Amino acid sequence: MTALTMKELAFIEDEIRAEEITAKTINWCASHCDDLELRKTLEEMAEQHQLKIAELSQYFNRTRNIQ
């Protein structure tokens, strides 16, 4: 596996932070939503962002161990 540059690793970190903010924002919106169907949809969207965070973090941690 080719080692990533510091700039590439910084981009991955930035994406993880962006996904975290997005997931938290969507969860906040869901918690203030009275429409149960919309709340469920928002919670599912937030979950997808949480899964993306896990994927990116796993990749990031694997890459850091290689360098």
Protein backbone atom coordinates (compact mmCIF):
# COMPACT_ATOMS: atom_id res chain seq x y z
CA MET A 1 0.00 0.00 0.00
CA THR A 2 1.32 3.43 -0.93
CA ALA A 3 1.78 5.75 2.03
CA LEU A 4 -0.42 8.84 2.01
CA THR A 5 1.06 12.31 2.23
CA MET A 6 0.43 14.53 5.24
CA LYS A 7 -1.88 16.63 3.08
CA GLU A 8 -3.93 13.57 2.09
CA LEU A 9 -4.17 12.47 5.72
CA ALA A 10 -5.31 15.99 6.65
CA PHE A 11 -8.05 15.75 4.00
CA ILE A 12 -9.24 12.47 5.54
CA GLU A 13 -9.28 14.04 9.01
CA ASP A 14 -11.25 17.01 7.63
CA GLU A 15 -13.78 14.66 6.04
CA ILE A 16 -14.21 12.76 9.30
CA ARG A 17 -14.89 16.04 11.14
CA ALA A 18 -17.35 17.14 8.44
CA GLU A 19 -19.22 13.83 8.68
CA GLU A 20 -19.33 14.16 12.48
CA ILE A 21 -20.82 17.65 12.26
CA THR A 22 -23.34 16.52 9.65
CA ALA A 23 -24.44 13.52 11.73
CA LYS A 24 -24.81 15.64 14.88
CA THR A 25 -26.77 18.30 13.01
CA ILE A 26 -29.15 15.76 11.47
CA ASN A 27 -29.63 14.08 14.85
CA TRP A 28 -30.39 17.47 16.40
CA CYS A 29 -32.98 18.13 13.68
CA ALA A 30 -34.52 14.70 14.25
CA SER A 31 -34.80 15.35 17.98
CA HIS A 32 -36.81 18.51 17.28
CA CYS A 33 -39.06 16.92 14.71
CA ASP A 34 -42.69 16.13 15.60
CA ASP A 35 -43.41 14.20 12.39
CA LEU A 36 -42.52 10.59 13.20
CA GLU A 37 -41.90 9.60 9.58
CA LEU A 38 -39.59 12.56 9.00
CA ARG A 39 -37.84 11.90 12.32
CA LYS A 40 -37.19 8.28 11.27
CA THR A 41 -35.82 9.41 7.91
CA LEU A 42 -33.51 11.93 9.58
CA GLU A 43 -32.29 9.33 12.06
CA GLU A 44 -31.52 6.95 9.20
CA MET A 45 -29.61 9.70 7.40
CA ALA A 46 -27.61 10.42 10.55
CA GLU A 47 -26.84 6.72 10.91
CA GLN A 48 -25.44 6.63 7.38
CA HIS A 49 -23.10 9.49 8.24
CA GLN A 50 -22.05 7.65 11.42
CA LEU A 51 -21.21 4.60 9.30
CA LYS A 52 -19.16 6.80 6.97
CA ILE A 53 -17.27 8.14 10.00
CA ALA A 54 -16.48 4.57 11.07
CA GLU A 55 -15.28 3.66 7.58
CA LEU A 56 -13.08 6.73 7.26
CA SER A 57 -11.69 6.33 10.77
CA GLN A 58 -10.89 2.69 10.15
CA TYR A 59 -9.08 3.57 6.91
CA PHE A 60 -7.30 6.48 8.58
CA ASN A 61 -6.13 4.33 11.51
CA ARG A 62 -4.95 1.57 9.15
CA THR A 63 -3.00 4.11 7.09
CA ARG A 64 -1.39 5.73 10.14
CA ASN A 65 -0.11 2.35 11.30
CA ILE A 66 1.62 1.76 7.97
CA GLN A 67 3.65 4.95 7.98
